[in-house]
Amino acid sequence: MDFQDAWTCEQAQELAPPPRLVTDADRQEHRQQQRRLLIVEADERAMAEWRQRHPQDVANENAFWAERRTRWLAERADRRRRKALVISQCELRQASFFDDNDDRWEDVFLDTSDDTSEEEDNSE
């Protein structure tokens, strides 16, 4: 419910039309949602009170998350730098190989092929 005049669930319920509940299951689900909403509102009030009473804890928490984000950004930049290095090394390696129409493939094939027969192997 988006009511700009309402700050709590109770105020919003006063402004909103009653929910259309058809079955007992719908009513039970609605009650559960209302309980959850009341718990969330109580938590928000407790956190607001805690932030007012313990400003140093809030500052420490903000500093922790700022430091953690800074560390995460540095690690991310390092990962990106290492990835770029690996990609450039792969590109160099790929550039150093012959293309399919290169005559050097024949030399490589001749150097690595085994054109000897078993008789020649046994004579040695």
PDB file of N, CA and C in Angstrom:
ATOM      1  N   MET A   1       0.844  -1.174   0.000  1.00  0.00           N
ATOM      2  CA  MET A   1       0.000   0.000   0.000  1.00  0.00           C
ATOM      3  C   MET A   1       0.891   1.240   0.000  1.00  0.00           C
ATOM      4  N   ASP A   2       0.693   2.099  -0.953  1.00  0.00           N
ATOM      5  CA  ASP A   2       1.472   3.319  -1.043  1.00  0.00           C
ATOM      6  C   ASP A   2       0.596   4.510  -0.679  1.00  0.00           C
ATOM      7  N   PHE A   3       0.568   4.822   0.604  1.00  0.00           N
ATOM      8  CA  PHE A   3      -0.122   6.009   1.084  1.00  0.00           C
ATOM      9  C   PHE A   3       0.935   6.953   1.620  1.00  0.00           C
ATOM     10  N   GLN A   4       1.018   8.136   1.033  1.00  0.00           N
ATOM     11  CA  GLN A   4       2.037   9.078   1.482  1.00  0.00           C
ATOM     12  C   GLN A   4       1.682   9.694   2.824  1.00  0.00           C
ATOM     13  N   ASP A   5       0.407   9.637   3.217  1.00  0.00           N
ATOM     14  CA  ASP A   5      -0.011  10.205   4.493  1.00  0.00           C
ATOM     15  C   ASP A   5       0.131   9.216   5.629  1.00  0.00           C
ATOM     16  N   ALA A   6       0.382   7.961   5.335  1.00  0.00           N
ATOM     17  CA  ALA A   6       0.412   6.917   6.365  1.00  0.00           C
ATOM     18  C   ALA A   6       1.850   6.528   6.658  1.00  0.00           C
ATOM     19  N   TRP A   7       2.175   6.485   7.960  1.00  0.00           N
ATOM     20  CA  TRP A   7       3.528   6.103   8.377  1.00  0.00           C
ATOM     21  C   TRP A   7       3.538   4.721   9.021  1.00  0.00           C
ATOM     22  N   THR A   8       2.412   4.214   9.389  1.00  0.00           N
ATOM     23  CA  THR A   8       2.353   2.899  10.020  1.00  0.00           C
ATOM     24  C   THR A   8       1.324   2.047   9.289  1.00  0.00           C
ATOM     25  N   CYS A   9       1.363   0.782   9.624  1.00  0.00           N
ATOM     26  CA  CYS A   9       0.413  -0.157   9.020  1.00  0.00           C
ATOM     27  C   CYS A   9      -1.018   0.190   9.428  1.00  0.00           C
ATOM     28  N   GLU A  10      -1.179   0.571  10.674  1.00  0.00           N
ATOM     29  CA  GLU A  10      -2.527   0.895  11.160  1.00  0.00           C
ATOM     30  C   GLU A  10      -3.118   2.071  10.395  1.00  0.00           C
ATOM     31  N   GLN A  11      -2.313   3.108  10.167  1.00  0.00           N
ATOM     32  CA  GLN A  11      -2.787   4.271   9.422  1.00  0.00           C
ATOM     33  C   GLN A  11      -3.143   3.891   7.990  1.00  0.00           C
ATOM     34  N   ALA A  12      -2.334   3.024   7.381  1.00  0.00           N
ATOM     35  CA  ALA A  12      -2.609   2.595   6.011  1.00  0.00           C
ATOM     36  C   ALA A  12      -3.883   1.774   5.951  1.00  0.00           C
ATOM     37  N   GLN A  13      -4.109   0.950   6.969  1.00  0.00           N
ATOM     38  CA  GLN A  13      -5.328   0.145   6.987  1.00  0.00           C
ATOM     39  C   GLN A  13      -6.573   1.012   7.121  1.00  0.00           C
ATOM     40  N   GLU A  14      -6.455   2.117   7.858  1.00  0.00           N
ATOM     41  CA  GLU A  14      -7.602   3.023   7.997  1.00  0.00           C
ATOM     42  C   GLU A  14      -7.949   3.667   6.654  1.00  0.00           C
ATOM     43  N   LEU A  15      -6.925   3.942   5.847  1.00  0.00           N
ATOM     44  CA  LEU A  15      -7.153   4.596   4.560  1.00  0.00           C
ATOM     45  C   LEU A  15      -7.552   3.621   3.455  1.00  0.00           C
ATOM     46  N   ALA A  16      -7.118   2.380   3.578  1.00  0.00           N
ATOM     47  CA  ALA A  16      -7.362   1.393   2.518  1.00  0.00           C
ATOM     48  C   ALA A  16      -8.721   0.729   2.693  1.00  0.00           C
ATOM     49  N   PRO A  17      -9.282   0.274   1.582  1.00  0.00           N
ATOM     50  CA  PRO A  17     -10.527  -0.498   1.691  1.00  0.00           C
ATOM     51  C   PRO A  17     -10.218  -1.853   2.340  1.00  0.00           C
ATOM     52  N   PRO A  18     -11.204  -2.461   2.957  1.00  0.00           N
ATOM     53  CA  PRO A  18     -10.948  -3.749   3.611  1.00  0.00           C
ATOM     54  C   PRO A  18     -10.559  -4.808   2.566  1.00  0.00           C
ATOM     55  N   PRO A  19      -9.697  -5.732   2.949  1.00  0.00           N
ATOM     56  CA  PRO A  19      -9.278  -6.755   1.985  1.00  0.00           C
ATOM     57  C   PRO A  19     -10.427  -7.683   1.626  1.00  0.00           C
ATOM     58  N   ARG A  20     -10.395  -8.186   0.429  1.00  0.00           N
ATOM     59  CA  ARG A  20     -11.419  -9.117  -0.033  1.00  0.00           C
ATOM     60  C   ARG A  20     -10.957 -10.539   0.288  1.00  0.00           C
ATOM     61  N   LEU A  21     -11.460 -11.061   1.391  1.00  0.00           N
ATOM     62  CA  LEU A  21     -11.086 -12.396   1.815  1.00  0.00           C
ATOM     63  C   LEU A  21     -12.200 -13.356   1.430  1.00  0.00           C
ATOM     64  N   VAL A  22     -11.827 -14.440   0.790  1.00  0.00           N
ATOM     65  CA  VAL A  22     -12.834 -15.352   0.285  1.00  0.00           C
ATOM     66  C   VAL A  22     -12.905 -16.619   1.134  1.00  0.00           C
ATOM     67  N   THR A  23     -11.760 -17.184   1.461  1.00  0.00           N
ATOM     68  CA  THR A  23     -11.751 -18.471   2.158  1.00  0.00           C
ATOM     69  C   THR A  23     -11.044 -18.343   3.502  1.00  0.00           C
ATOM     70  N   ASP A  24     -11.163 -19.388   4.287  1.00  0.00           N
ATOM     71  CA  ASP A  24     -10.447 -19.406   5.568  1.00  0.00           C
ATOM     72  C   ASP A  24      -8.939 -19.375   5.354  1.00  0.00           C
ATOM     73  N   ALA A  25      -8.465 -20.016   4.307  1.00  0.00           N
ATOM     74  CA  ALA A  25      -7.027 -20.004   4.002  1.00  0.00           C
ATOM     75  C   ALA A  25      -6.563 -18.585   3.680  1.00  0.00           C
ATOM     76  N   ASP A  26      -7.404 -17.837   2.942  1.00  0.00           N
ATOM     77  CA  ASP A  26      -7.065 -16.442   2.646  1.00  0.00           C
ATOM     78  C   ASP A  26      -7.010 -15.623   3.925  1.00  0.00           C
ATOM     79  N   ARG A  27      -7.952 -15.832   4.821  1.00  0.00           N
ATOM     80  CA  ARG A  27      -7.965 -15.100   6.087  1.00  0.00           C
ATOM     81  C   ARG A  27      -6.728 -15.442   6.921  1.00  0.00           C
ATOM     82  N   GLN A  28      -6.377 -16.722   6.969  1.00  0.00           N
ATOM     83  CA  GLN A  28      -5.207 -17.137   7.745  1.00  0.00           C
ATOM     84  C   GLN A  28      -3.932 -16.530   7.157  1.00  0.00           C
ATOM     85  N   GLU A  29      -3.796 -16.547   5.836  1.00  0.00           N
ATOM     86  CA  GLU A  29      -2.624 -15.950   5.190  1.00  0.00           C
ATOM     87  C   GLU A  29      -2.562 -14.453   5.471  1.00  0.00           C
ATOM     88  N   HIS A  30      -3.724 -13.799   5.431  1.00  0.00           N
ATOM     89  CA  HIS A  30      -3.768 -12.369   5.723  1.00  0.00           C
ATOM     90  C   HIS A  30      -3.335 -12.083   7.158  1.00  0.00           C
ATOM     91  N   ARG A  31      -3.799 -12.888   8.110  1.00  0.00           N
ATOM     92  CA  ARG A  31      -3.388 -12.708   9.509  1.00  0.00           C
ATOM     93  C   ARG A  31      -1.878 -12.903   9.662  1.00  0.00           C
ATOM     94  N   GLN A  32      -1.325 -13.892   8.991  1.00  0.00           N
ATOM     95  CA  GLN A  32       0.121 -14.124   9.057  1.00  0.00           C
ATOM     96  C   GLN A  32       0.897 -12.939   8.485  1.00  0.00           C
ATOM     97  N   GLN A  33       0.420 -12.414   7.375  1.00  0.00           N
ATOM     98  CA  GLN A  33       1.075 -11.254   6.780  1.00  0.00           C
ATOM     99  C   GLN A  33       1.002 -10.044   7.712  1.00  0.00           C
ATOM    100  N   GLN A  34      -0.154  -9.869   8.376  1.00  0.00           N
ATOM    101  CA  GLN A  34      -0.298  -8.753   9.305  1.00  0.00           C
ATOM    102  C   GLN A  34       0.664  -8.899  10.486  1.00  0.00           C
ATOM    103  N   ARG A  35       0.804 -10.128  11.007  1.00  0.00           N
ATOM    104  CA  ARG A  35       1.740 -10.367  12.106  1.00  0.00           C
ATOM    105  C   ARG A  35       3.171 -10.066  11.675  1.00  0.00           C
ATOM    106  N   ARG A  36       3.532 -10.524  10.491  1.00  0.00           N
ATOM    107  CA  ARG A  36       4.886 -10.262   9.979  1.00  0.00           C
ATOM    108  C   ARG A  36       5.129  -8.766   9.816  1.00  0.00           C
ATOM    109  N   LEU A  37       4.123  -8.063   9.316  1.00  0.00           N
ATOM    110  CA  LEU A  37       4.259  -6.621   9.135  1.00  0.00           C
ATOM    111  C   LEU A  37       4.435  -5.907  10.475  1.00  0.00           C
ATOM    112  N   LEU A  38       3.688  -6.322  11.479  1.00  0.00           N
ATOM    113  CA  LEU A  38       3.851  -5.724  12.803  1.00  0.00           C
ATOM    114  C   LEU A  38       5.244  -5.991  13.369  1.00  0.00           C
ATOM    115  N   ILE A  39       5.773  -7.189  13.142  1.00  0.00           N
ATOM    116  CA  ILE A  39       7.121  -7.519  13.611  1.00  0.00           C
ATOM    117  C   ILE A  39       8.156  -6.656  12.913  1.00  0.00           C
ATOM    118  N   VAL A  40       7.989  -6.478  11.610  1.00  0.00           N
ATOM    119  CA  VAL A  40       8.931  -5.652  10.846  1.00  0.00           C
ATOM    120  C   VAL A  40       8.894  -4.212  11.344  1.00  0.00           C
ATOM    121  N   GLU A  41       7.708  -3.682  11.581  1.00  0.00           N
ATOM    122  CA  GLU A  41       7.600  -2.310  12.083  1.00  0.00           C
ATOM    123  C   GLU A  41       8.235  -2.175  13.455  1.00  0.00           C
ATOM    124  N   ALA A  42       8.041  -3.160  14.323  1.00  0.00           N
ATOM    125  CA  ALA A  42       8.673  -3.130  15.649  1.00  0.00           C
ATOM    126  C   ALA A  42      10.190  -3.182  15.514  1.00  0.00           C
ATOM    127  N   ASP A  43      10.690  -4.000  14.599  1.00  0.00           N
ATOM    128  CA  ASP A  43      12.137  -4.066  14.364  1.00  0.00           C
ATOM    129  C   ASP A  43      12.683  -2.723  13.877  1.00  0.00           C
ATOM    130  N   GLU A  44      11.961  -2.096  12.972  1.00  0.00           N
ATOM    131  CA  GLU A  44      12.411  -0.802  12.452  1.00  0.00           C
ATOM    132  C   GLU A  44      12.451   0.254  13.555  1.00  0.00           C
ATOM    133  N   ARG A  45      11.435   0.260  14.418  1.00  0.00           N
ATOM    134  CA  ARG A  45      11.443   1.213  15.537  1.00  0.00           C
ATOM    135  C   ARG A  45      12.605   0.929  16.483  1.00  0.00           C
ATOM    136  N   ALA A  46      12.849  -0.358  16.775  1.00  0.00           N
ATOM    137  CA  ALA A  46      13.954  -0.716  17.668  1.00  0.00           C
ATOM    138  C   ALA A  46      15.300  -0.314  17.067  1.00  0.00           C
ATOM    139  N   MET A  47      15.472  -0.524  15.763  1.00  0.00           N
ATOM    140  CA  MET A  47      16.725  -0.140  15.117  1.00  0.00           C
ATOM    141  C   MET A  47      16.904   1.380  15.111  1.00  0.00           C
ATOM    142  N   ALA A  48      15.833   2.122  14.899  1.00  0.00           N
ATOM    143  CA  ALA A  48      15.929   3.583  14.930  1.00  0.00           C
ATOM    144  C   ALA A  48      16.337   4.055  16.323  1.00  0.00           C
ATOM    145  N   GLU A  49      15.752   3.456  17.345  1.00  0.00           N
ATOM    146  CA  GLU A  49      16.108   3.811  18.720  1.00  0.00           C
ATOM    147  C   GLU A  49      17.556   3.433  19.010  1.00  0.00           C
ATOM    148  N   TRP A  50      17.981   2.270  18.546  1.00  0.00           N
ATOM    149  CA  TRP A  50      19.354   1.823  18.763  1.00  0.00           C
ATOM    150  C   TRP A  50      20.338   2.768  18.084  1.00  0.00           C
ATOM    151  N   ARG A  51      20.010   3.219  16.846  1.00  0.00           N
ATOM    152  CA  ARG A  51      20.895   4.142  16.140  1.00  0.00           C
ATOM    153  C   ARG A  51      21.015   5.467  16.886  1.00  0.00           C
ATOM    154  N   GLN A  52      19.924   5.910  17.524  1.00  0.00           N
ATOM    155  CA  GLN A  52      19.987   7.158  18.291  1.00  0.00           C
ATOM    156  C   GLN A  52      20.815   6.984  19.558  1.00  0.00           C
ATOM    157  N   ARG A  53      20.710   5.857  20.210  1.00  0.00           N
ATOM    158  CA  ARG A  53      21.421   5.639  21.478  1.00  0.00           C
ATOM    159  C   ARG A  53      22.889   5.273  21.288  1.00  0.00           C
ATOM    160  N   HIS A  54      23.250   4.671  20.153  1.00  0.00           N
ATOM    161  CA  HIS A  54      24.612   4.178  19.952  1.00  0.00           C
ATOM    162  C   HIS A  54      25.176   4.685  18.626  1.00  0.00           C
ATOM    163  N   PRO A  55      25.433   5.987  18.514  1.00  0.00           N
ATOM    164  CA  PRO A  55      25.938   6.523  17.238  1.00  0.00           C
ATOM    165  C   PRO A  55      27.340   6.001  16.896  1.00  0.00           C
ATOM    166  N   GLN A  56      28.153   5.683  17.922  1.00  0.00           N
ATOM    167  CA  GLN A  56      29.492   5.168  17.647  1.00  0.00           C
ATOM    168  C   GLN A  56      29.434   3.798  16.966  1.00  0.00           C
ATOM    169  N   ASP A  57      28.482   2.961  17.392  1.00  0.00           N
ATOM    170  CA  ASP A  57      28.318   1.660  16.742  1.00  0.00           C
ATOM    171  C   ASP A  57      27.918   1.818  15.277  1.00  0.00           C
ATOM    172  N   VAL A  58      27.065   2.788  15.014  1.00  0.00           N
ATOM    173  CA  VAL A  58      26.650   3.052  13.636  1.00  0.00           C
ATOM    174  C   VAL A  58      27.846   3.518  12.813  1.00  0.00           C
ATOM    175  N   ALA A  59      28.657   4.401  13.392  1.00  0.00           N
ATOM    176  CA  ALA A  59      29.843   4.885  12.684  1.00  0.00           C
ATOM    177  C   ALA A  59      30.823   3.738  12.425  1.00  0.00           C
ATOM    178  N   ASN A  60      31.008   2.865  13.425  1.00  0.00           N
ATOM    179  CA  ASN A  60      31.903   1.714  13.252  1.00  0.00           C
ATOM    180  C   ASN A  60      31.394   0.779  12.158  1.00  0.00           C
ATOM    181  N   GLU A  61      30.097   0.545  12.145  1.00  0.00           N
ATOM    182  CA  GLU A  61      29.522  -0.331  11.126  1.00  0.00           C
ATOM    183  C   GLU A  61      29.679   0.273   9.736  1.00  0.00           C
ATOM    184  N   ASN A  62      29.430   1.574   9.613  1.00  0.00           N
ATOM    185  CA  ASN A  62      29.595   2.246   8.319  1.00  0.00           C
ATOM    186  C   ASN A  62      31.048   2.190   7.862  1.00  0.00           C
ATOM    187  N   ALA A  63      31.988   2.381   8.797  1.00  0.00           N
ATOM    188  CA  ALA A  63      33.411   2.303   8.459  1.00  0.00           C
ATOM    189  C   ALA A  63      33.781   0.888   8.011  1.00  0.00           C
ATOM    190  N   PHE A  64      33.237  -0.114   8.695  1.00  0.00           N
ATOM    191  CA  PHE A  64      33.509  -1.504   8.322  1.00  0.00           C
ATOM    192  C   PHE A  64      33.059  -1.773   6.901  1.00  0.00           C
ATOM    193  N   TRP A  65      31.819  -1.371   6.573  1.00  0.00           N
ATOM    194  CA  TRP A  65      31.308  -1.655   5.235  1.00  0.00           C
ATOM    195  C   TRP A  65      32.032  -0.842   4.174  1.00  0.00           C
ATOM    196  N   ALA A  66      32.448   0.383   4.502  1.00  0.00           N
ATOM    197  CA  ALA A  66      33.215   1.189   3.543  1.00  0.00           C
ATOM    198  C   ALA A  66      34.565   0.530   3.270  1.00  0.00           C
ATOM    199  N   GLU A  67      35.223   0.035   4.328  1.00  0.00           N
ATOM    200  CA  GLU A  67      36.514  -0.636   4.164  1.00  0.00           C
ATOM    201  C   GLU A  67      36.341  -1.931   3.376  1.00  0.00           C
ATOM    202  N   ARG A  68      35.280  -2.662   3.664  1.00  0.00           N
ATOM    203  CA  ARG A  68      35.033  -3.919   2.955  1.00  0.00           C
ATOM    204  C   ARG A  68      34.760  -3.660   1.474  1.00  0.00           C
ATOM    205  N   ARG A  69      34.007  -2.610   1.184  1.00  0.00           N
ATOM    206  CA  ARG A  69      33.737  -2.269  -0.219  1.00  0.00           C
ATOM    207  C   ARG A  69      35.017  -1.849  -0.927  1.00  0.00           C
ATOM    208  N   THR A  70      35.863  -1.087  -0.250  1.00  0.00           N
ATOM    209  CA  THR A  70      37.133  -0.668  -0.839  1.00  0.00           C
ATOM    210  C   THR A  70      37.997  -1.883  -1.156  1.00  0.00           C
ATOM    211  N   ARG A  71      38.062  -2.831  -0.208  1.00  0.00           N
ATOM    212  CA  ARG A  71      38.830  -4.060  -0.416  1.00  0.00           C
ATOM    213  C   ARG A  71      38.243  -4.862  -1.581  1.00  0.00           C
ATOM    214  N   TRP A  72      36.918  -4.949  -1.644  1.00  0.00           N
ATOM    215  CA  TRP A  72      36.258  -5.697  -2.720  1.00  0.00           C
ATOM    216  C   TRP A  72      36.560  -5.054  -4.073  1.00  0.00           C
ATOM    217  N   LEU A  73      36.521  -3.708  -4.136  1.00  0.00           N
ATOM    218  CA  LEU A  73      36.808  -3.024  -5.392  1.00  0.00           C
ATOM    219  C   LEU A  73      38.253  -3.249  -5.820  1.00  0.00           C
ATOM    220  N   ALA A  74      39.184  -3.256  -4.848  1.00  0.00           N
ATOM    221  CA  ALA A  74      40.589  -3.514  -5.173  1.00  0.00           C
ATOM    222  C   ALA A  74      40.764  -4.935  -5.695  1.00  0.00           C
ATOM    223  N   GLU A  75      40.110  -5.905  -5.053  1.00  0.00           N
ATOM    224  CA  GLU A  75      40.195  -7.293  -5.525  1.00  0.00           C
ATOM    225  C   GLU A  75      39.580  -7.433  -6.908  1.00  0.00           C
ATOM    226  N   ARG A  76      38.490  -6.741  -7.141  1.00  0.00           N
ATOM    227  CA  ARG A  76      37.832  -6.790  -8.446  1.00  0.00           C
ATOM    228  C   ARG A  76      38.738  -6.207  -9.529  1.00  0.00           C
ATOM    229  N   ALA A  77      39.389  -5.075  -9.206  1.00  0.00           N
ATOM    230  CA  ALA A  77      40.310  -4.464 -10.167  1.00  0.00           C
ATOM    231  C   ALA A  77      41.487  -5.400 -10.434  1.00  0.00           C
ATOM    232  N   ASP A  78      41.981  -6.079  -9.394  1.00  0.00           N
ATOM    233  CA  ASP A  78      43.082  -7.018  -9.561  1.00  0.00           C
ATOM    234  C   ASP A  78      42.661  -8.197 -10.437  1.00  0.00           C
ATOM    235  N   ARG A  79      41.444  -8.731 -10.201  1.00  0.00           N
ATOM    236  CA  ARG A  79      40.950  -9.829 -11.034  1.00  0.00           C
ATOM    237  C   ARG A  79      40.824  -9.394 -12.495  1.00  0.00           C
ATOM    238  N   ARG A  80      40.329  -8.187 -12.715  1.00  0.00           N
ATOM    239  CA  ARG A  80      40.194  -7.692 -14.088  1.00  0.00           C
ATOM    240  C   ARG A  80      41.563  -7.515 -14.744  1.00  0.00           C
ATOM    241  N   ARG A  81      42.534  -7.018 -13.970  1.00  0.00           N
ATOM    242  CA  ARG A  81      43.881  -6.829 -14.494  1.00  0.00           C
ATOM    243  C   ARG A  81      44.493  -8.178 -14.867  1.00  0.00           C
ATOM    244  N   ARG A  82      44.348  -9.184 -13.973  1.00  0.00           N
ATOM    245  CA  ARG A  82      44.891 -10.507 -14.255  1.00  0.00           C
ATOM    246  C   ARG A  82      44.189 -11.150 -15.452  1.00  0.00           C
ATOM    247  N   LYS A  83      42.881 -10.952 -15.573  1.00  0.00           N
ATOM    248  CA  LYS A  83      42.143 -11.504 -16.707  1.00  0.00           C
ATOM    249  C   LYS A  83      42.634 -10.877 -18.009  1.00  0.00           C
ATOM    250  N   ALA A  84      42.833  -9.565 -18.012  1.00  0.00           N
ATOM    251  CA  ALA A  84      43.323  -8.889 -19.208  1.00  0.00           C
ATOM    252  C   ALA A  84      44.718  -9.402 -19.577  1.00  0.00           C
ATOM    253  N   LEU A  85      45.563  -9.658 -18.577  1.00  0.00           N
ATOM    254  CA  LEU A  85      46.892 -10.197 -18.831  1.00  0.00           C
ATOM    255  C   LEU A  85      46.810 -11.585 -19.452  1.00  0.00           C
ATOM    256  N   VAL A  86      45.949 -12.440 -18.910  1.00  0.00           N
ATOM    257  CA  VAL A  86      45.791 -13.792 -19.456  1.00  0.00           C
ATOM    258  C   VAL A  86      45.257 -13.737 -20.883  1.00  0.00           C
ATOM    259  N   ILE A  87      44.295 -12.872 -21.127  1.00  0.00           N
ATOM    260  CA  ILE A  87      43.744 -12.746 -22.479  1.00  0.00           C
ATOM    261  C   ILE A  87      44.819 -12.270 -23.453  1.00  0.00           C
ATOM    262  N   SER A  88      45.628 -11.300 -23.034  1.00  0.00           N
ATOM    263  CA  SER A  88      46.686 -10.817 -23.934  1.00  0.00           C
ATOM    264  C   SER A  88      47.722 -11.905 -24.174  1.00  0.00           C
ATOM    265  N   GLN A  89      48.025 -12.718 -23.155  1.00  0.00           N
ATOM    266  CA  GLN A  89      48.962 -13.828 -23.355  1.00  0.00           C
ATOM    267  C   GLN A  89      48.383 -14.863 -24.319  1.00  0.00           C
ATOM    268  N   CYS A  90      47.094 -15.149 -24.188  1.00  0.00           N
ATOM    269  CA  CYS A  90      46.445 -16.090 -25.110  1.00  0.00           C
ATOM    270  C   CYS A  90      46.458 -15.556 -26.529  1.00  0.00           C
ATOM    271  N   GLU A  91      46.216 -14.263 -26.680  1.00  0.00           N
ATOM    272  CA  GLU A  91      46.234 -13.671 -28.012  1.00  0.00           C
ATOM    273  C   GLU A  91      47.636 -13.738 -28.610  1.00  0.00           C
ATOM    274  N   LEU A  92      48.665 -13.510 -27.794  1.00  0.00           N
ATOM    275  CA  LEU A  92      50.040 -13.625 -28.277  1.00  0.00           C
ATOM    276  C   LEU A  92      50.340 -15.052 -28.715  1.00  0.00           C
ATOM    277  N   ARG A  93      49.913 -16.009 -27.899  1.00  0.00           N
ATOM    278  CA  ARG A  93      50.158 -17.410 -28.208  1.00  0.00           C
ATOM    279  C   ARG A  93      49.431 -17.799 -29.503  1.00  0.00           C
ATOM    280  N   GLN A  94      48.197 -17.329 -29.649  1.00  0.00           N
ATOM    281  CA  GLN A  94      47.457 -17.653 -30.865  1.00  0.00           C
ATOM    282  C   GLN A  94      48.088 -16.997 -32.087  1.00  0.00           C
ATOM    283  N   ALA A  95      48.618 -15.807 -31.904  1.00  0.00           N
ATOM    284  CA  ALA A  95      49.242 -15.105 -33.023  1.00  0.00           C
ATOM    285  C   ALA A  95      50.533 -15.779 -33.443  1.00  0.00           C
ATOM    286  N   SER A  96      51.183 -16.505 -32.548  1.00  0.00           N
ATOM    287  CA  SER A  96      52.450 -17.130 -32.881  1.00  0.00           C
ATOM    288  C   SER A  96      52.273 -18.439 -33.646  1.00  0.00           C
ATOM    289  N   PHE A  97      51.106 -19.039 -33.652  1.00  0.00           N
ATOM    290  CA  PHE A  97      50.871 -20.272 -34.388  1.00  0.00           C
ATOM    291  C   PHE A  97      50.626 -19.972 -35.860  1.00  0.00           C
ATOM    292  N   PHE A  98      50.798 -21.005 -36.646  1.00  0.00           N
ATOM    293  CA  PHE A  98      50.616 -20.854 -38.091  1.00  0.00           C
ATOM    294  C   PHE A  98      49.130 -20.861 -38.410  1.00  0.00           C
ATOM    295  N   ASP A  99      48.809 -20.201 -39.512  1.00  0.00           N
ATOM    296  CA  ASP A  99      47.434 -20.323 -39.988  1.00  0.00           C
ATOM    297  C   ASP A  99      47.328 -21.586 -40.850  1.00  0.00           C
ATOM    298  N   ASP A 100      46.118 -21.928 -41.263  1.00  0.00           N
ATOM    299  CA  ASP A 100      45.884 -23.211 -41.927  1.00  0.00           C
ATOM    300  C   ASP A 100      46.629 -23.356 -43.257  1.00  0.00           C
ATOM    301  N   ASN A 101      46.886 -22.287 -43.943  1.00  0.00           N
ATOM    302  CA  ASN A 101      47.519 -22.363 -45.271  1.00  0.00           C
ATOM    303  C   ASN A 101      49.028 -22.190 -45.231  1.00  0.00           C
ATOM    304  N   ASP A 102      49.609 -22.180 -44.072  1.00  0.00           N
ATOM    305  CA  ASP A 102      51.041 -21.945 -43.943  1.00  0.00           C
ATOM    306  C   ASP A 102      51.815 -23.206 -44.336  1.00  0.00           C
ATOM    307  N   ASP A 103      52.917 -23.028 -45.082  1.00  0.00           N
ATOM    308  CA  ASP A 103      53.748 -24.161 -45.524  1.00  0.00           C
ATOM    309  C   ASP A 103      54.492 -24.807 -44.359  1.00  0.00           C
ATOM    310  N   ARG A 104      54.656 -24.111 -43.283  1.00  0.00           N
ATOM    311  CA  ARG A 104      55.389 -24.680 -42.152  1.00  0.00           C
ATOM    312  C   ARG A 104      54.655 -25.862 -41.529  1.00  0.00           C
ATOM    313  N   TRP A 105      53.338 -25.985 -41.770  1.00  0.00           N
ATOM    314  CA  TRP A 105      52.595 -27.140 -41.253  1.00  0.00           C
ATOM    315  C   TRP A 105      53.171 -28.441 -41.810  1.00  0.00           C
ATOM    316  N   GLU A 106      53.580 -28.410 -43.091  1.00  0.00           N
ATOM    317  CA  GLU A 106      54.152 -29.612 -43.691  1.00  0.00           C
ATOM    318  C   GLU A 106      55.439 -30.001 -42.990  1.00  0.00           C
ATOM    319  N   ASP A 107      56.267 -29.012 -42.659  1.00  0.00           N
ATOM    320  CA  ASP A 107      57.508 -29.298 -41.954  1.00  0.00           C
ATOM    321  C   ASP A 107      57.232 -29.896 -40.581  1.00  0.00           C
ATOM    322  N   VAL A 108      56.240 -29.340 -39.881  1.00  0.00           N
ATOM    323  CA  VAL A 108      55.895 -29.857 -38.562  1.00  0.00           C
ATOM    324  C   VAL A 108      55.382 -31.279 -38.687  1.00  0.00           C
ATOM    325  N   PHE A 109      54.559 -31.536 -39.700  1.00  0.00           N
ATOM    326  CA  PHE A 109      54.012 -32.877 -39.895  1.00  0.00           C
ATOM    327  C   PHE A 109      55.123 -33.872 -40.219  1.00  0.00           C
ATOM    328  N   LEU A 110      56.055 -33.485 -41.083  1.00  0.00           N
ATOM    329  CA  LEU A 110      57.139 -34.384 -41.450  1.00  0.00           C
ATOM    330  C   LEU A 110      58.054 -34.662 -40.265  1.00  0.00           C
ATOM    331  N   ASP A 111      58.280 -33.668 -39.423  1.00  0.00           N
ATOM    332  CA  ASP A 111      59.153 -33.853 -38.262  1.00  0.00           C
ATOM    333  C   ASP A 111      58.523 -34.771 -37.227  1.00  0.00           C
ATOM    334  N   THR A 112      57.230 -34.782 -37.141  1.00  0.00           N
ATOM    335  CA  THR A 112      56.570 -35.556 -36.095  1.00  0.00           C
ATOM    336  C   THR A 112      56.007 -36.874 -36.584  1.00  0.00           C
ATOM    337  N   SER A 113      56.011 -37.118 -37.894  1.00  0.00           N
ATOM    338  CA  SER A 113      55.416 -38.356 -38.397  1.00  0.00           C
ATOM    339  C   SER A 113      56.411 -39.506 -38.262  1.00  0.00           C
ATOM    340  N   ASP A 114      55.862 -40.698 -38.162  1.00  0.00           N
ATOM    341  CA  ASP A 114      56.671 -41.903 -38.041  1.00  0.00           C
ATOM    342  C   ASP A 114      56.510 -42.704 -39.327  1.00  0.00           C
ATOM    343  N   ASP A 115      57.480 -42.518 -40.260  1.00  0.00           N
ATOM    344  CA  ASP A 115      57.406 -43.176 -41.554  1.00  0.00           C
ATOM    345  C   ASP A 115      58.219 -44.465 -41.592  1.00  0.00           C
ATOM    346  N   THR A 116      58.641 -44.962 -40.472  1.00  0.00           N
ATOM    347  CA  THR A 116      59.452 -46.165 -40.457  1.00  0.00           C
ATOM    348  C   THR A 116      58.578 -47.388 -40.349  1.00  0.00           C
ATOM    349  N   SER A 117      59.060 -48.472 -40.822  1.00  0.00           N
ATOM    350  CA  SER A 117      58.331 -49.727 -40.724  1.00  0.00           C
ATOM    351  C   SER A 117      58.889 -50.544 -39.568  1.00  0.00           C
ATOM    352  N   GLU A 118      58.247 -51.641 -39.235  1.00  0.00           N
ATOM    353  CA  GLU A 118      58.699 -52.470 -38.129  1.00  0.00           C
ATOM    354  C   GLU A 118      60.036 -53.130 -38.453  1.00  0.00           C
ATOM    355  N   GLU A 119      60.283 -53.467 -39.723  1.00  0.00           N
ATOM    356  CA  GLU A 119      61.536 -54.104 -40.116  1.00  0.00           C
ATOM    357  C   GLU A 119      62.702 -53.154 -39.868  1.00  0.00           C
ATOM    358  N   GLU A 120      62.513 -51.860 -40.200  1.00  0.00           N
ATOM    359  CA  GLU A 120      63.585 -50.890 -39.979  1.00  0.00           C
ATOM    360  C   GLU A 120      63.857 -50.694 -38.494  1.00  0.00           C
ATOM    361  N   ASP A 121      62.786 -50.749 -37.672  1.00  0.00           N
ATOM    362  CA  ASP A 121      62.954 -50.595 -36.226  1.00  0.00           C
ATOM    363  C   ASP A 121      63.730 -51.768 -35.637  1.00  0.00           C
ATOM    364  N   ASN A 122      63.490 -52.964 -36.107  1.00  0.00           N
ATOM    365  CA  ASN A 122      64.159 -54.152 -35.576  1.00  0.00           C
ATOM    366  C   ASN A 122      65.601 -54.246 -36.031  1.00  0.00           C
ATOM    367  N   SER A 123      65.954 -53.679 -37.183  1.00  0.00           N
ATOM    368  CA  SER A 123      67.313 -53.755 -37.678  1.00  0.00           C
ATOM    369  C   SER A 123      68.266 -52.877 -36.894  1.00  0.00           C
ATOM    370  N   GLU A 124      67.765 -51.902 -36.223  1.00  0.00           N
ATOM    371  CA  GLU A 124      68.622 -50.978 -35.486  1.00  0.00           C
ATOM    372  C   GLU A 124      69.056 -51.522 -34.206  1.00  0.00           C
TER     373      GLU A 124
END
